[in-house]
Amino acid sequence: MRLRIRRITWPRRAIVLADTPRPDCRDCGGEGGNAYDYGEPFTGEYAGTDWEPCPCWHEDRRWVLIPLPRRRPRPTSRSGYCDEPPF
């Protein structure tokens, strides 16, 4: 398991310790999975790209270190400018 620090915004803003793919993985080459294109069965036209994650990495494996505070809008007056000092 290789860990790194990341900032997430969903479901709540936080600093997390997250797992990363193995850089020497023979299946994914360190990218965490493989993307492949697929087409319509009858026409053969491009229909999209699908992602298949590699077993060397689990993207949901993370631990919250510090929850970040929610952003609160500053109160404004009717003119649209804030009446409070900046500190």
Protein backbone atom coordinates (compact mmCIF):
# COMPACT_ATOMS: atom_id res chain seq x y z
CA MET A 1 0.00 0.00 0.00
CA ARG A 2 1.36 3.42 -1.02
CA LEU A 3 -0.22 6.37 0.78
CA ARG A 4 -0.44 10.05 -0.14
CA ILE A 5 -2.16 13.12 1.25
CA ARG A 6 -5.09 14.51 -0.77
CA ARG A 7 -7.81 17.13 -0.39
CA ILE A 8 -11.34 15.95 -1.18
CA THR A 9 -14.58 17.87 -1.54
CA TRP A 10 -17.17 15.09 -1.48
CA PRO A 11 -19.06 14.11 0.68
CA ARG A 12 -17.45 16.76 2.88
CA ARG A 13 -14.29 18.84 2.51
CA ALA A 14 -11.37 17.13 4.24
CA ILE A 15 -7.69 16.23 4.10
CA VAL A 16 -7.38 12.46 3.64
CA LEU A 17 -4.67 9.83 3.51
CA ALA A 18 -5.37 7.90 0.29
CA ASP A 19 -4.04 4.74 -1.33
CA THR A 20 -2.22 5.03 -4.67
CA PRO A 21 -1.58 2.46 -7.41
CA ARG A 22 1.68 0.51 -7.41
CA PRO A 23 4.05 2.19 -9.90
CA ASP A 24 5.59 -1.17 -10.91
CA CYS A 25 2.27 -2.97 -11.57
CA ARG A 26 2.44 -5.04 -14.76
CA ASP A 27 -1.32 -4.91 -15.36
CA CYS A 28 -1.94 -1.15 -15.24
CA GLY A 29 1.53 0.39 -15.46
CA GLY A 30 0.94 2.47 -12.31
CA GLU A 31 -2.25 4.15 -13.57
CA GLY A 32 -4.66 2.25 -11.31
CA GLY A 33 -6.69 0.65 -14.09
CA ASN A 34 -7.24 0.26 -17.80
CA ALA A 35 -9.54 2.27 -20.05
CA TYR A 36 -10.97 0.64 -23.14
CA ASP A 37 -13.26 1.90 -25.87
CA TYR A 38 -16.37 0.06 -26.94
CA GLY A 39 -18.80 0.45 -29.81
CA GLU A 40 -22.38 -0.21 -30.77
CA PRO A 41 -22.96 -3.92 -31.50
CA PHE A 42 -24.68 -3.42 -34.88
CA THR A 43 -23.13 -0.27 -36.33
CA GLY A 44 -19.65 -0.44 -34.83
CA GLU A 45 -19.75 3.28 -34.01
CA TYR A 46 -17.93 4.57 -30.93
CA ALA A 47 -20.24 4.41 -27.90
CA GLY A 48 -17.95 5.37 -25.04
CA THR A 49 -15.03 4.45 -22.85
CA ASP A 50 -15.18 2.12 -19.88
CA TRP A 51 -12.77 2.01 -16.93
CA GLU A 52 -11.71 -1.23 -15.29
CA PRO A 53 -9.81 -0.70 -12.01
CA CYS A 54 -6.68 -2.74 -11.30
CA PRO A 55 -6.55 -5.00 -8.22
CA CYS A 56 -3.30 -3.27 -7.10
CA TRP A 57 -5.30 -0.21 -6.03
CA HIS A 58 -8.63 0.44 -4.34
CA GLU A 59 -9.81 4.00 -5.01
CA ASP A 60 -12.18 4.06 -2.02
CA ARG A 61 -9.46 3.17 0.49
CA ARG A 62 -8.86 6.43 2.36
CA TRP A 63 -8.81 7.77 5.88
CA VAL A 64 -9.89 11.26 6.93
CA LEU A 65 -7.11 13.11 8.74
CA ILE A 66 -8.61 16.58 9.15
CA PRO A 67 -12.17 17.65 8.31
CA LEU A 68 -12.09 21.14 6.80
CA PRO A 69 -14.60 23.79 7.88
CA ARG A 70 -17.53 24.59 5.66
CA ARG A 71 -17.33 27.82 3.70
CA ARG A 72 -19.76 30.39 4.95
CA PRO A 73 -20.61 33.43 2.87
CA ARG A 74 -19.75 36.77 4.38
CA PRO A 75 -22.76 38.88 5.28
CA THR A 76 -23.44 41.63 2.79
CA SER A 77 -25.48 44.80 2.94
CA ARG A 78 -28.21 45.68 0.50
CA SER A 79 -25.69 47.47 -1.69
CA GLY A 80 -23.80 44.19 -2.20
CA TYR A 81 -20.72 45.22 -0.24
CA CYS A 82 -19.75 43.82 3.16
CA ASP A 83 -20.09 46.19 6.14
CA GLU A 84 -17.74 44.18 8.40
CA PRO A 85 -13.97 44.72 8.67
CA PRO A 86 -11.86 42.08 6.88
CA PHE A 87 -10.49 40.56 10.08
